[in-house]
Structures are given as structure tokens and as C-alpha cells.
Amino acid sequence: MDITPEIPADRKYIDHYGSGGFRVAGDRYEGSIIVTPEHVWAWPVFKFAELTAESVAQVLAAEPSVELLLIGCGDRVARIPKDVRDALRAGSIIVDGMETGAACRTYNVLMAEERCVAVALISI
């Protein structure tokens, strides 16, 4: 029995991560990215220490709106800075930080469930 969820062709599904980038819906992206089910954007955050409220502004402005943002912190989990949490909370977005690989896998599951999710991924 095949239990693989059907993903509509127009959805941005993360196929692969590593080697300094990602493959999303068959396309290769170098460096860090933000992914929603509809879009992929380059993200100019290369180290967790560069994460700021300004760096997540694109998620706050996303259409359709995002309810949950996963942040792939790189190869280690780190606490999301207060200014980032506060900015997202003001936009009614829940945030969760995790290792980049875990963020990719979690995003794919939530996206397949048609949740209003985005993921900001620091490349590894």
C-alpha cells in the first residue's frame, strides 16, 4: 500500500538539502532560502547570528498569509532571538526553530496537510 501523500504539482516541496543549498520542486537553489507552498525566495541569512526581525519581514508580508514559520537554524538548534519572536507574534505567526534537516522534513509534512506554513532555511 502506497501511503505517500499526493502533492499538487504547483506546490513547493523540499526534495533535498545539503551541499550549501536545496532542491525544491526539482529546482536547485544555492544558499539560504524561504519556502512557502507557493514561493521560494533567496534569503540573505548565512549564519544563525544574522537572524533579525528584518530578515523575516518577507514572511510577514507573504500572500497567502503564513500561520507557522519554521526556522532551520543550520546544523544545530538555537533559540530564536526575542526581536524575531516578537515581530512574528505581532503578525500572528507562530515560530519554531530546529535543525535545518528537521525543518525541511517538518515543512513537507505540514505543507502536504495544506497548512499555512513557511520555512526559512539556513543552508548547510
PDB file of N, CA and C in Angstrom:
ATOM      1  N   MET A   1       0.847  -1.175   0.000  1.00  0.00           N
ATOM      2  CA  MET A   1       0.000   0.000   0.000  1.00  0.00           C
ATOM      3  C   MET A   1       0.890   1.235   0.000  1.00  0.00           C
ATOM      4  N   ASP A   2       0.648   2.138  -0.930  1.00  0.00           N
ATOM      5  CA  ASP A   2       1.405   3.381  -1.022  1.00  0.00           C
ATOM      6  C   ASP A   2       0.757   4.414  -0.114  1.00  0.00           C
ATOM      7  N   ILE A   3       1.532   4.955   0.847  1.00  0.00           N
ATOM      8  CA  ILE A   3       0.990   5.964   1.761  1.00  0.00           C
ATOM      9  C   ILE A   3       1.602   7.344   1.514  1.00  0.00           C
ATOM     10  N   THR A   4       2.313   7.483   0.396  1.00  0.00           N
ATOM     11  CA  THR A   4       2.918   8.761   0.056  1.00  0.00           C
ATOM     12  C   THR A   4       1.815   9.763  -0.265  1.00  0.00           C
ATOM     13  N   PRO A   5       1.799  10.901   0.413  1.00  0.00           N
ATOM     14  CA  PRO A   5       0.737  11.880   0.117  1.00  0.00           C
ATOM     15  C   PRO A   5       0.917  12.467  -1.274  1.00  0.00           C
ATOM     16  N   GLU A   6      -0.191  12.740  -1.942  1.00  0.00           N
ATOM     17  CA  GLU A   6      -0.133  13.402  -3.236  1.00  0.00           C
ATOM     18  C   GLU A   6       0.100  14.887  -3.010  1.00  0.00           C
ATOM     19  N   ILE A   7       1.111  15.404  -3.666  1.00  0.00           N
ATOM     20  CA  ILE A   7       1.442  16.827  -3.567  1.00  0.00           C
ATOM     21  C   ILE A   7       1.079  17.450  -4.914  1.00  0.00           C
ATOM     22  N   PRO A   8       0.200  18.438  -4.922  1.00  0.00           N
ATOM     23  CA  PRO A   8      -0.117  19.107  -6.196  1.00  0.00           C
ATOM     24  C   PRO A   8       1.158  19.627  -6.857  1.00  0.00           C
ATOM     25  N   ALA A   9       1.191  19.553  -8.182  1.00  0.00           N
ATOM     26  CA  ALA A   9       2.389  19.914  -8.950  1.00  0.00           C
ATOM     27  C   ALA A   9       2.835  21.349  -8.720  1.00  0.00           C
ATOM     28  N   ASP A  10       1.926  22.236  -8.367  1.00  0.00           N
ATOM     29  CA  ASP A  10       2.299  23.636  -8.188  1.00  0.00           C
ATOM     30  C   ASP A  10       2.823  23.948  -6.790  1.00  0.00           C
ATOM     31  N   ARG A  11       2.879  22.968  -5.901  1.00  0.00           N
ATOM     32  CA  ARG A  11       3.355  23.172  -4.524  1.00  0.00           C
ATOM     33  C   ARG A  11       4.867  23.049  -4.453  1.00  0.00           C
ATOM     34  N   LYS A  12       5.465  23.844  -3.572  1.00  0.00           N
ATOM     35  CA  LYS A  12       6.917  23.856  -3.386  1.00  0.00           C
ATOM     36  C   LYS A  12       7.288  22.857  -2.287  1.00  0.00           C
ATOM     37  N   TYR A  13       7.745  21.692  -2.700  1.00  0.00           N
ATOM     38  CA  TYR A  13       8.118  20.585  -1.833  1.00  0.00           C
ATOM     39  C   TYR A  13       9.637  20.491  -1.798  1.00  0.00           C
ATOM     40  N   ILE A  14      10.227  20.347  -0.614  1.00  0.00           N
ATOM     41  CA  ILE A  14      11.691  20.287  -0.498  1.00  0.00           C
ATOM     42  C   ILE A  14      12.146  18.855  -0.769  1.00  0.00           C
ATOM     43  N   ASP A  15      12.887  18.700  -1.873  1.00  0.00           N
ATOM     44  CA  ASP A  15      13.368  17.386  -2.308  1.00  0.00           C
ATOM     45  C   ASP A  15      14.695  16.999  -1.648  1.00  0.00           C
ATOM     46  N   HIS A  16      15.546  18.000  -1.408  1.00  0.00           N
ATOM     47  CA  HIS A  16      16.906  17.692  -0.946  1.00  0.00           C
ATOM     48  C   HIS A  16      17.494  18.921  -0.270  1.00  0.00           C
ATOM     49  N   TYR A  17      18.375  18.669   0.713  1.00  0.00           N
ATOM     50  CA  TYR A  17      19.120  19.759   1.343  1.00  0.00           C
ATOM     51  C   TYR A  17      20.549  19.295   1.555  1.00  0.00           C
ATOM     52  N   GLY A  18      21.469  20.245   1.617  1.00  0.00           N
ATOM     53  CA  GLY A  18      22.879  19.932   1.829  1.00  0.00           C
ATOM     54  C   GLY A  18      23.732  20.515   0.718  1.00  0.00           C
ATOM     55  N   SER A  19      25.040  20.400   0.859  1.00  0.00           N
ATOM     56  CA  SER A  19      25.999  20.926  -0.122  1.00  0.00           C
ATOM     57  C   SER A  19      25.790  22.410  -0.384  1.00  0.00           C
ATOM     58  N   GLY A  20      25.376  23.145   0.663  1.00  0.00           N
ATOM     59  CA  GLY A  20      25.243  24.588   0.553  1.00  0.00           C
ATOM     60  C   GLY A  20      23.983  25.078  -0.119  1.00  0.00           C
ATOM     61  N   GLY A  21      22.981  24.205  -0.253  1.00  0.00           N
ATOM     62  CA  GLY A  21      21.750  24.651  -0.903  1.00  0.00           C
ATOM     63  C   GLY A  21      20.624  23.643  -0.760  1.00  0.00           C
ATOM     64  N   PHE A  22      19.625  23.785  -1.631  1.00  0.00           N
ATOM     65  CA  PHE A  22      18.400  22.994  -1.541  1.00  0.00           C
ATOM     66  C   PHE A  22      17.886  22.686  -2.940  1.00  0.00           C
ATOM     67  N   ARG A  23      17.117  21.606  -3.049  1.00  0.00           N
ATOM     68  CA  ARG A  23      16.353  21.342  -4.267  1.00  0.00           C
ATOM     69  C   ARG A  23      14.889  21.393  -3.861  1.00  0.00           C
ATOM     70  N   VAL A  24      14.143  22.292  -4.486  1.00  0.00           N
ATOM     71  CA  VAL A  24      12.733  22.497  -4.168  1.00  0.00           C
ATOM     72  C   VAL A  24      11.929  22.295  -5.450  1.00  0.00           C
ATOM     73  N   ALA A  25      11.002  21.353  -5.404  1.00  0.00           N
ATOM     74  CA  ALA A  25      10.155  21.042  -6.567  1.00  0.00           C
ATOM     75  C   ALA A  25      11.006  20.832  -7.817  1.00  0.00           C
ATOM     76  N   GLY A  26      12.154  20.180  -7.640  1.00  0.00           N
ATOM     77  CA  GLY A  26      13.033  19.850  -8.749  1.00  0.00           C
ATOM     78  C   GLY A  26      14.042  20.905  -9.137  1.00  0.00           C
ATOM     79  N   ASP A  27      13.952  22.114  -8.580  1.00  0.00           N
ATOM     80  CA  ASP A  27      14.883  23.195  -8.914  1.00  0.00           C
ATOM     81  C   ASP A  27      15.915  23.376  -7.811  1.00  0.00           C
ATOM     82  N   ARG A  28      17.173  23.593  -8.193  1.00  0.00           N
ATOM     83  CA  ARG A  28      18.265  23.769  -7.245  1.00  0.00           C
ATOM     84  C   ARG A  28      18.404  25.249  -6.866  1.00  0.00           C
ATOM     85  N   TYR A  29      18.555  25.503  -5.549  1.00  0.00           N
ATOM     86  CA  TYR A  29      18.770  26.846  -5.016  1.00  0.00           C
ATOM     87  C   TYR A  29      20.029  26.809  -4.167  1.00  0.00           C
ATOM     88  N   GLU A  30      20.947  27.720  -4.432  1.00  0.00           N
ATOM     89  CA  GLU A  30      22.177  27.824  -3.657  1.00  0.00           C
ATOM     90  C   GLU A  30      21.960  28.785  -2.495  1.00  0.00           C
ATOM     91  N   GLY A  31      22.531  28.475  -1.342  1.00  0.00           N
ATOM     92  CA  GLY A  31      22.430  29.356  -0.189  1.00  0.00           C
ATOM     93  C   GLY A  31      21.121  29.189   0.559  1.00  0.00           C
ATOM     94  N   SER A  32      20.865  30.108   1.461  1.00  0.00           N
ATOM     95  CA  SER A  32      19.684  30.058   2.318  1.00  0.00           C
ATOM     96  C   SER A  32      18.448  30.522   1.559  1.00  0.00           C
ATOM     97  N   ILE A  33      17.289  29.953   1.928  1.00  0.00           N
ATOM     98  CA  ILE A  33      16.036  30.269   1.234  1.00  0.00           C
ATOM     99  C   ILE A  33      14.863  30.322   2.212  1.00  0.00           C
ATOM    100  N   ILE A  34      13.789  30.958   1.754  1.00  0.00           N
ATOM    101  CA  ILE A  34      12.494  30.899   2.422  1.00  0.00           C
ATOM    102  C   ILE A  34      11.550  30.206   1.447  1.00  0.00           C
ATOM    103  N   VAL A  35      10.778  29.246   1.966  1.00  0.00           N
ATOM    104  CA  VAL A  35       9.857  28.487   1.121  1.00  0.00           C
ATOM    105  C   VAL A  35       8.454  28.548   1.718  1.00  0.00           C
ATOM    106  N   THR A  36       7.483  28.826   0.868  1.00  0.00           N
ATOM    107  CA  THR A  36       6.073  28.656   1.204  1.00  0.00           C
ATOM    108  C   THR A  36       5.530  27.663   0.181  1.00  0.00           C
ATOM    109  N   PRO A  37       4.328  27.163   0.361  1.00  0.00           N
ATOM    110  CA  PRO A  37       3.790  26.243  -0.651  1.00  0.00           C
ATOM    111  C   PRO A  37       3.722  26.852  -2.058  1.00  0.00           C
ATOM    112  N   GLU A  38       3.715  28.173  -2.155  1.00  0.00           N
ATOM    113  CA  GLU A  38       3.588  28.843  -3.448  1.00  0.00           C
ATOM    114  C   GLU A  38       4.868  29.470  -3.970  1.00  0.00           C
ATOM    115  N   HIS A  39       5.843  29.770  -3.105  1.00  0.00           N
ATOM    116  CA  HIS A  39       7.012  30.567  -3.495  1.00  0.00           C
ATOM    117  C   HIS A  39       8.306  30.047  -2.877  1.00  0.00           C
ATOM    118  N   VAL A  40       9.408  30.395  -3.541  1.00  0.00           N
ATOM    119  CA  VAL A  40      10.761  30.204  -2.997  1.00  0.00           C
ATOM    120  C   VAL A  40      11.495  31.524  -3.188  1.00  0.00           C
ATOM    121  N   TRP A  41      12.078  32.035  -2.108  1.00  0.00           N
ATOM    122  CA  TRP A  41      12.838  33.278  -2.167  1.00  0.00           C
ATOM    123  C   TRP A  41      14.249  33.041  -1.624  1.00  0.00           C
ATOM    124  N   ALA A  42      15.224  33.706  -2.232  1.00  0.00           N
ATOM    125  CA  ALA A  42      16.574  33.717  -1.660  1.00  0.00           C
ATOM    126  C   ALA A  42      16.484  34.429  -0.315  1.00  0.00           C
ATOM    127  N   TRP A  43      17.298  34.000   0.640  1.00  0.00           N
ATOM    128  CA  TRP A  43      17.270  34.576   1.986  1.00  0.00           C
ATOM    129  C   TRP A  43      18.687  34.942   2.380  1.00  0.00           C
ATOM    130  N   PRO A  44      18.987  36.206   2.586  1.00  0.00           N
ATOM    131  CA  PRO A  44      20.364  36.630   2.856  1.00  0.00           C
ATOM    132  C   PRO A  44      20.811  36.410   4.309  1.00  0.00           C
ATOM    133  N   VAL A  45      20.496  35.246   4.854  1.00  0.00           N
ATOM    134  CA  VAL A  45      20.942  34.869   6.204  1.00  0.00           C
ATOM    135  C   VAL A  45      21.810  33.633   6.024  1.00  0.00           C
ATOM    136  N   PHE A  46      23.091  33.763   6.317  1.00  0.00           N
ATOM    137  CA  PHE A  46      24.013  32.660   6.088  1.00  0.00           C
ATOM    138  C   PHE A  46      24.482  31.999   7.377  1.00  0.00           C
ATOM    139  N   LYS A  47      24.282  32.706   8.498  1.00  0.00           N
ATOM    140  CA  LYS A  47      24.618  32.178   9.827  1.00  0.00           C
ATOM    141  C   LYS A  47      23.474  32.546  10.762  1.00  0.00           C
ATOM    142  N   PHE A  48      23.242  31.720  11.761  1.00  0.00           N
ATOM    143  CA  PHE A  48      22.151  31.980  12.694  1.00  0.00           C
ATOM    144  C   PHE A  48      22.287  33.350  13.355  1.00  0.00           C
ATOM    145  N   ALA A  49      23.513  33.786  13.617  1.00  0.00           N
ATOM    146  CA  ALA A  49      23.747  35.080  14.266  1.00  0.00           C
ATOM    147  C   ALA A  49      23.228  36.251  13.426  1.00  0.00           C
ATOM    148  N   GLU A  50      22.987  36.042  12.132  1.00  0.00           N
ATOM    149  CA  GLU A  50      22.470  37.090  11.253  1.00  0.00           C
ATOM    150  C   GLU A  50      20.941  37.194  11.267  1.00  0.00           C
ATOM    151  N   LEU A  51      20.280  36.306  11.973  1.00  0.00           N
ATOM    152  CA  LEU A  51      18.819  36.295  12.030  1.00  0.00           C
ATOM    153  C   LEU A  51      18.299  37.490  12.819  1.00  0.00           C
ATOM    154  N   THR A  52      17.467  38.322  12.170  1.00  0.00           N
ATOM    155  CA  THR A  52      16.887  39.505  12.806  1.00  0.00           C
ATOM    156  C   THR A  52      15.408  39.589  12.437  1.00  0.00           C
ATOM    157  N   ALA A  53      14.704  40.480  13.102  1.00  0.00           N
ATOM    158  CA  ALA A  53      13.299  40.718  12.762  1.00  0.00           C
ATOM    159  C   ALA A  53      13.182  41.170  11.304  1.00  0.00           C
ATOM    160  N   GLU A  54      14.108  41.984  10.857  1.00  0.00           N
ATOM    161  CA  GLU A  54      14.083  42.450   9.466  1.00  0.00           C
ATOM    162  C   GLU A  54      14.230  41.296   8.478  1.00  0.00           C
ATOM    163  N   SER A  55      14.990  40.276   8.847  1.00  0.00           N
ATOM    164  CA  SER A  55      15.219  39.163   7.922  1.00  0.00           C
ATOM    165  C   SER A  55      14.000  38.261   7.729  1.00  0.00           C
ATOM    166  N   VAL A  56      12.985  38.408   8.571  1.00  0.00           N
ATOM    167  CA  VAL A  56      11.750  37.622   8.396  1.00  0.00           C
ATOM    168  C   VAL A  56      10.598  38.486   7.885  1.00  0.00           C
ATOM    169  N   ALA A  57      10.866  39.719   7.501  1.00  0.00           N
ATOM    170  CA  ALA A  57       9.821  40.632   7.018  1.00  0.00           C
ATOM    171  C   ALA A  57       9.085  40.062   5.814  1.00  0.00           C
ATOM    172  N   GLN A  58       9.780  39.349   4.951  1.00  0.00           N
ATOM    173  CA  GLN A  58       9.159  38.761   3.768  1.00  0.00           C
ATOM    174  C   GLN A  58       8.074  37.753   4.154  1.00  0.00           C
ATOM    175  N   VAL A  59       8.293  37.032   5.225  1.00  0.00           N
ATOM    176  CA  VAL A  59       7.297  36.063   5.701  1.00  0.00           C
ATOM    177  C   VAL A  59       6.068  36.807   6.213  1.00  0.00           C
ATOM    178  N   LEU A  60       6.285  37.896   6.909  1.00  0.00           N
ATOM    179  CA  LEU A  60       5.161  38.688   7.424  1.00  0.00           C
ATOM    180  C   LEU A  60       4.302  39.255   6.296  1.00  0.00           C
ATOM    181  N   ALA A  61       4.916  39.522   5.151  1.00  0.00           N
ATOM    182  CA  ALA A  61       4.206  40.109   4.018  1.00  0.00           C
ATOM    183  C   ALA A  61       3.681  39.065   3.031  1.00  0.00           C
ATOM    184  N   ALA A  62       3.953  37.791   3.263  1.00  0.00           N
ATOM    185  CA  ALA A  62       3.596  36.740   2.307  1.00  0.00           C
ATOM    186  C   ALA A  62       2.090  36.654   2.081  1.00  0.00           C
ATOM    187  N   GLU A  63       1.738  36.371   0.841  1.00  0.00           N
ATOM    188  CA  GLU A  63       0.355  36.097   0.456  1.00  0.00           C
ATOM    189  C   GLU A  63       0.325  34.754  -0.245  1.00  0.00           C
ATOM    190  N   PRO A  64      -0.519  33.840   0.164  1.00  0.00           N
ATOM    191  CA  PRO A  64      -1.418  33.932   1.306  1.00  0.00           C
ATOM    192  C   PRO A  64      -0.630  34.001   2.612  1.00  0.00           C
ATOM    193  N   SER A  65      -1.302  34.462   3.643  1.00  0.00           N
ATOM    194  CA  SER A  65      -0.624  34.679   4.918  1.00  0.00           C
ATOM    195  C   SER A  65      -0.164  33.366   5.539  1.00  0.00           C
ATOM    196  N   VAL A  66       0.882  33.477   6.323  1.00  0.00           N
ATOM    197  CA  VAL A  66       1.517  32.342   6.990  1.00  0.00           C
ATOM    198  C   VAL A  66       1.054  32.307   8.444  1.00  0.00           C
ATOM    199  N   GLU A  67       0.750  31.119   8.946  1.00  0.00           N
ATOM    200  CA  GLU A  67       0.368  30.956  10.358  1.00  0.00           C
ATOM    201  C   GLU A  67       1.506  30.395  11.201  1.00  0.00           C
ATOM    202  N   LEU A  68       2.422  29.644  10.541  1.00  0.00           N
ATOM    203  CA  LEU A  68       3.525  28.995  11.245  1.00  0.00           C
ATOM    204  C   LEU A  68       4.789  29.135  10.418  1.00  0.00           C
ATOM    205  N   LEU A  69       5.854  29.621  11.045  1.00  0.00           N
ATOM    206  CA  LEU A  69       7.165  29.706  10.404  1.00  0.00           C
ATOM    207  C   LEU A  69       8.118  28.771  11.118  1.00  0.00           C
ATOM    208  N   LEU A  70       8.685  27.853  10.367  1.00  0.00           N
ATOM    209  CA  LEU A  70       9.761  27.003  10.872  1.00  0.00           C
ATOM    210  C   LEU A  70      11.068  27.647  10.451  1.00  0.00           C
ATOM    211  N   ILE A  71      12.016  27.705  11.354  1.00  0.00           N
ATOM    212  CA  ILE A  71      13.326  28.250  11.010  1.00  0.00           C
ATOM    213  C   ILE A  71      14.356  27.142  11.155  1.00  0.00           C
ATOM    214  N   GLY A  72      14.995  26.827  10.032  1.00  0.00           N
ATOM    215  CA  GLY A  72      16.089  25.863  10.026  1.00  0.00           C
ATOM    216  C   GLY A  72      17.356  26.598  10.415  1.00  0.00           C
ATOM    217  N   CYS A  73      17.836  26.353  11.620  1.00  0.00           N
ATOM    218  CA  CYS A  73      18.922  27.125  12.234  1.00  0.00           C
ATOM    219  C   CYS A  73      20.318  26.720  11.767  1.00  0.00           C
ATOM    220  N   GLY A  74      20.427  25.787  10.854  1.00  0.00           N
ATOM    221  CA  GLY A  74      21.724  25.256  10.449  1.00  0.00           C
ATOM    222  C   GLY A  74      21.860  23.849  10.981  1.00  0.00           C
ATOM    223  N   ASP A  75      23.064  23.473  11.402  1.00  0.00           N
ATOM    224  CA  ASP A  75      23.263  22.103  11.876  1.00  0.00           C
ATOM    225  C   ASP A  75      22.993  21.920  13.370  1.00  0.00           C
ATOM    226  N   ARG A  76      22.549  22.986  14.033  1.00  0.00           N
ATOM    227  CA  ARG A  76      22.203  22.908  15.462  1.00  0.00           C
ATOM    228  C   ARG A  76      20.955  23.738  15.742  1.00  0.00           C
ATOM    229  N   VAL A  77      20.201  23.306  16.715  1.00  0.00           N
ATOM    230  CA  VAL A  77      19.029  24.062  17.152  1.00  0.00           C
ATOM    231  C   VAL A  77      19.509  25.239  17.988  1.00  0.00           C
ATOM    232  N   ALA A  78      18.853  26.374  17.822  1.00  0.00           N
ATOM    233  CA  ALA A  78      19.185  27.559  18.616  1.00  0.00           C
ATOM    234  C   ALA A  78      17.890  28.270  18.986  1.00  0.00           C
ATOM    235  N   ARG A  79      17.949  29.018  20.043  1.00  0.00           N
ATOM    236  CA  ARG A  79      16.773  29.779  20.482  1.00  0.00           C
ATOM    237  C   ARG A  79      16.577  30.972  19.552  1.00  0.00           C
ATOM    238  N   ILE A  80      15.365  31.127  19.063  1.00  0.00           N
ATOM    239  CA  ILE A  80      15.045  32.231  18.159  1.00  0.00           C
ATOM    240  C   ILE A  80      15.149  33.544  18.941  1.00  0.00           C
ATOM    241  N   PRO A  81      15.870  34.541  18.406  1.00  0.00           N
ATOM    242  CA  PRO A  81      16.034  35.817  19.120  1.00  0.00           C
ATOM    243  C   PRO A  81      14.690  36.478  19.439  1.00  0.00           C
ATOM    244  N   LYS A  82      14.655  37.178  20.552  1.00  0.00           N
ATOM    245  CA  LYS A  82      13.426  37.811  21.033  1.00  0.00           C
ATOM    246  C   LYS A  82      12.831  38.777  20.013  1.00  0.00           C
ATOM    247  N   ASP A  83      13.664  39.585  19.340  1.00  0.00           N
ATOM    248  CA  ASP A  83      13.107  40.534  18.372  1.00  0.00           C
ATOM    249  C   ASP A  83      12.415  39.822  17.214  1.00  0.00           C
ATOM    250  N   VAL A  84      12.931  38.671  16.828  1.00  0.00           N
ATOM    251  CA  VAL A  84      12.308  37.881  15.758  1.00  0.00           C
ATOM    252  C   VAL A  84      10.990  37.293  16.252  1.00  0.00           C
ATOM    253  N   ARG A  85      11.011  36.700  17.436  1.00  0.00           N
ATOM    254  CA  ARG A  85       9.777  36.140  18.009  1.00  0.00           C
ATOM    255  C   ARG A  85       8.710  37.214  18.165  1.00  0.00           C
ATOM    256  N   ASP A  86       9.094  38.389  18.669  1.00  0.00           N
ATOM    257  CA  ASP A  86       8.139  39.485  18.878  1.00  0.00           C
ATOM    258  C   ASP A  86       7.546  39.972  17.556  1.00  0.00           C
ATOM    259  N   ALA A  87       8.382  40.124  16.527  1.00  0.00           N
ATOM    260  CA  ALA A  87       7.891  40.585  15.220  1.00  0.00           C
ATOM    261  C   ALA A  87       6.900  39.590  14.628  1.00  0.00           C
ATOM    262  N   LEU A  88       7.220  38.314  14.730  1.00  0.00           N
ATOM    263  CA  LEU A  88       6.323  37.283  14.192  1.00  0.00           C
ATOM    264  C   LEU A  88       5.037  37.195  15.006  1.00  0.00           C
ATOM    265  N   ARG A  89       5.165  37.288  16.313  1.00  0.00           N
ATOM    266  CA  ARG A  89       3.982  37.248  17.176  1.00  0.00           C
ATOM    267  C   ARG A  89       3.051  38.418  16.852  1.00  0.00           C
ATOM    268  N   ALA A  90       3.614  39.598  16.598  1.00  0.00           N
ATOM    269  CA  ALA A  90       2.806  40.766  16.238  1.00  0.00           C
ATOM    270  C   ALA A  90       2.055  40.532  14.929  1.00  0.00           C
ATOM    271  N   GLY A  91       2.606  39.684  14.062  1.00  0.00           N
ATOM    272  CA  GLY A  91       1.947  39.328  12.811  1.00  0.00           C
ATOM    273  C   GLY A  91       1.118  38.064  12.917  1.00  0.00           C
ATOM    274  N   SER A  92       0.881  37.601  14.142  1.00  0.00           N
ATOM    275  CA  SER A  92       0.090  36.382  14.410  1.00  0.00           C
ATOM    276  C   SER A  92       0.692  35.130  13.781  1.00  0.00           C
ATOM    277  N   ILE A  93       2.029  35.075  13.771  1.00  0.00           N
ATOM    278  CA  ILE A  93       2.734  33.915  13.225  1.00  0.00           C
ATOM    279  C   ILE A  93       3.457  33.200  14.357  1.00  0.00           C
ATOM    280  N   ILE A  94       3.225  31.907  14.464  1.00  0.00           N
ATOM    281  CA  ILE A  94       3.927  31.067  15.430  1.00  0.00           C
ATOM    282  C   ILE A  94       5.275  30.709  14.820  1.00  0.00           C
ATOM    283  N   VAL A  95       6.327  30.679  15.624  1.00  0.00           N
ATOM    284  CA  VAL A  95       7.660  30.354  15.119  1.00  0.00           C
ATOM    285  C   VAL A  95       8.238  29.189  15.912  1.00  0.00           C
ATOM    286  N   ASP A  96       8.967  28.339  15.206  1.00  0.00           N
ATOM    287  CA  ASP A  96       9.638  27.202  15.842  1.00  0.00           C
ATOM    288  C   ASP A  96      10.991  27.021  15.176  1.00  0.00           C
ATOM    289  N   GLY A  97      12.053  27.000  15.962  1.00  0.00           N
ATOM    290  CA  GLY A  97      13.391  26.787  15.445  1.00  0.00           C
ATOM    291  C   GLY A  97      13.815  25.343  15.605  1.00  0.00           C
ATOM    292  N   MET A  98      14.520  24.835  14.611  1.00  0.00           N
ATOM    293  CA  MET A  98      15.022  23.456  14.643  1.00  0.00           C
ATOM    294  C   MET A  98      16.204  23.340  13.691  1.00  0.00           C
ATOM    295  N   GLU A  99      16.872  22.227  13.727  1.00  0.00           N
ATOM    296  CA  GLU A  99      17.974  21.958  12.810  1.00  0.00           C
ATOM    297  C   GLU A  99      17.415  21.996  11.383  1.00  0.00           C
ATOM    298  N   THR A 100      18.209  22.432  10.414  1.00  0.00           N
ATOM    299  CA  THR A 100      17.724  22.633   9.046  1.00  0.00           C
ATOM    300  C   THR A 100      17.084  21.389   8.447  1.00  0.00           C
ATOM    301  N   GLY A 101      17.698  20.225   8.604  1.00  0.00           N
ATOM    302  CA  GLY A 101      17.113  18.996   8.053  1.00  0.00           C
ATOM    303  C   GLY A 101      15.744  18.703   8.637  1.00  0.00           C
ATOM    304  N   ALA A 102      15.607  18.860   9.950  1.00  0.00           N
ATOM    305  CA  ALA A 102      14.315  18.635  10.606  1.00  0.00           C
ATOM    306  C   ALA A 102      13.285  19.646  10.119  1.00  0.00           C
ATOM    307  N   ALA A 103      13.705  20.889   9.893  1.00  0.00           N
ATOM    308  CA  ALA A 103      12.785  21.916   9.401  1.00  0.00           C
ATOM    309  C   ALA A 103      12.283  21.569   7.999  1.00  0.00           C
ATOM    310  N   CYS A 104      13.161  21.046   7.148  1.00  0.00           N
ATOM    311  CA  CYS A 104      12.748  20.626   5.795  1.00  0.00           C
ATOM    312  C   CYS A 104      11.689  19.523   5.876  1.00  0.00           C
ATOM    313  N   ARG A 105      11.954  18.505   6.677  1.00  0.00           N
ATOM    314  CA  ARG A 105      11.025  17.374   6.794  1.00  0.00           C
ATOM    315  C   ARG A 105       9.691  17.809   7.395  1.00  0.00           C
ATOM    316  N   THR A 106       9.749  18.638   8.436  1.00  0.00           N
ATOM    317  CA  THR A 106       8.518  19.094   9.093  1.00  0.00           C
ATOM    318  C   THR A 106       7.700  19.967   8.154  1.00  0.00           C
ATOM    319  N   TYR A 107       8.369  20.854   7.427  1.00  0.00           N
ATOM    320  CA  TYR A 107       7.677  21.690   6.448  1.00  0.00           C
ATOM    321  C   TYR A 107       6.927  20.817   5.432  1.00  0.00           C
ATOM    322  N   ASN A 108       7.605  19.807   4.890  1.00  0.00           N
ATOM    323  CA  ASN A 108       6.970  18.954   3.875  1.00  0.00           C
ATOM    324  C   ASN A 108       5.703  18.298   4.405  1.00  0.00           C
ATOM    325  N   VAL A 109       5.743  17.815   5.636  1.00  0.00           N
ATOM    326  CA  VAL A 109       4.562  17.178   6.230  1.00  0.00           C
ATOM    327  C   VAL A 109       3.437  18.189   6.382  1.00  0.00           C
ATOM    328  N   LEU A 110       3.744  19.355   6.952  1.00  0.00           N
ATOM    329  CA  LEU A 110       2.713  20.370   7.183  1.00  0.00           C
ATOM    330  C   LEU A 110       2.162  20.920   5.870  1.00  0.00           C
ATOM    331  N   MET A 111       3.032  21.103   4.885  1.00  0.00           N
ATOM    332  CA  MET A 111       2.592  21.583   3.584  1.00  0.00           C
ATOM    333  C   MET A 111       1.659  20.567   2.929  1.00  0.00           C
ATOM    334  N   ALA A 112       1.981  19.278   3.037  1.00  0.00           N
ATOM    335  CA  ALA A 112       1.130  18.232   2.476  1.00  0.00           C
ATOM    336  C   ALA A 112      -0.239  18.202   3.156  1.00  0.00           C
ATOM    337  N   GLU A 113      -0.283  18.619   4.413  1.00  0.00           N
ATOM    338  CA  GLU A 113      -1.552  18.705   5.153  1.00  0.00           C
ATOM    339  C   GLU A 113      -2.304  20.000   4.844  1.00  0.00           C
ATOM    340  N   GLU A 114      -1.760  20.795   3.894  1.00  0.00           N
ATOM    341  CA  GLU A 114      -2.354  22.062   3.464  1.00  0.00           C
ATOM    342  C   GLU A 114      -2.422  23.106   4.575  1.00  0.00           C
ATOM    343  N   ARG A 115      -1.418  23.088   5.449  1.00  0.00           N
ATOM    344  CA  ARG A 115      -1.310  24.101   6.496  1.00  0.00           C
ATOM    345  C   ARG A 115      -0.706  25.376   5.908  1.00  0.00           C
ATOM    346  N   CYS A 116      -0.953  26.499   6.542  1.00  0.00           N
ATOM    347  CA  CYS A 116      -0.403  27.792   6.118  1.00  0.00           C
ATOM    348  C   CYS A 116       0.980  27.934   6.753  1.00  0.00           C
ATOM    349  N   VAL A 117       1.956  27.287   6.160  1.00  0.00           N
ATOM    350  CA  VAL A 117       3.287  27.168   6.743  1.00  0.00           C
ATOM    351  C   VAL A 117       4.332  27.760   5.804  1.00  0.00           C
ATOM    352  N   ALA A 118       5.420  28.226   6.387  1.00  0.00           N
ATOM    353  CA  ALA A 118       6.604  28.655   5.640  1.00  0.00           C
ATOM    354  C   ALA A 118       7.809  28.121   6.391  1.00  0.00           C
ATOM    355  N   VAL A 119       8.930  28.042   5.693  1.00  0.00           N
ATOM    356  CA  VAL A 119      10.171  27.620   6.321  1.00  0.00           C
ATOM    357  C   VAL A 119      11.292  28.532   5.836  1.00  0.00           C
ATOM    358  N   ALA A 120      12.082  29.028   6.773  1.00  0.00           N
ATOM    359  CA  ALA A 120      13.269  29.831   6.476  1.00  0.00           C
ATOM    360  C   ALA A 120      14.456  28.942   6.807  1.00  0.00           C
ATOM    361  N   LEU A 121      15.271  28.664   5.790  1.00  0.00           N
ATOM    362  CA  LEU A 121      16.311  27.641   5.921  1.00  0.00           C
ATOM    363  C   LEU A 121      17.711  28.212   5.734  1.00  0.00           C
ATOM    364  N   ILE A 122      18.526  28.070   6.767  1.00  0.00           N
ATOM    365  CA  ILE A 122      19.950  28.400   6.655  1.00  0.00           C
ATOM    366  C   ILE A 122      20.626  27.196   6.041  1.00  0.00           C
ATOM    367  N   SER A 123      21.318  27.407   4.931  1.00  0.00           N
ATOM    368  CA  SER A 123      21.921  26.296   4.215  1.00  0.00           C
ATOM    369  C   SER A 123      23.032  25.635   5.032  1.00  0.00           C
ATOM    370  N   ILE A 124      23.167  24.346   4.783  1.00  0.00           N
ATOM    371  CA  ILE A 124      24.238  23.559   5.428  1.00  0.00           C
ATOM    372  C   ILE A 124      24.993  22.776   4.372  1.00  0.00           C
TER     373      ILE A 124
END
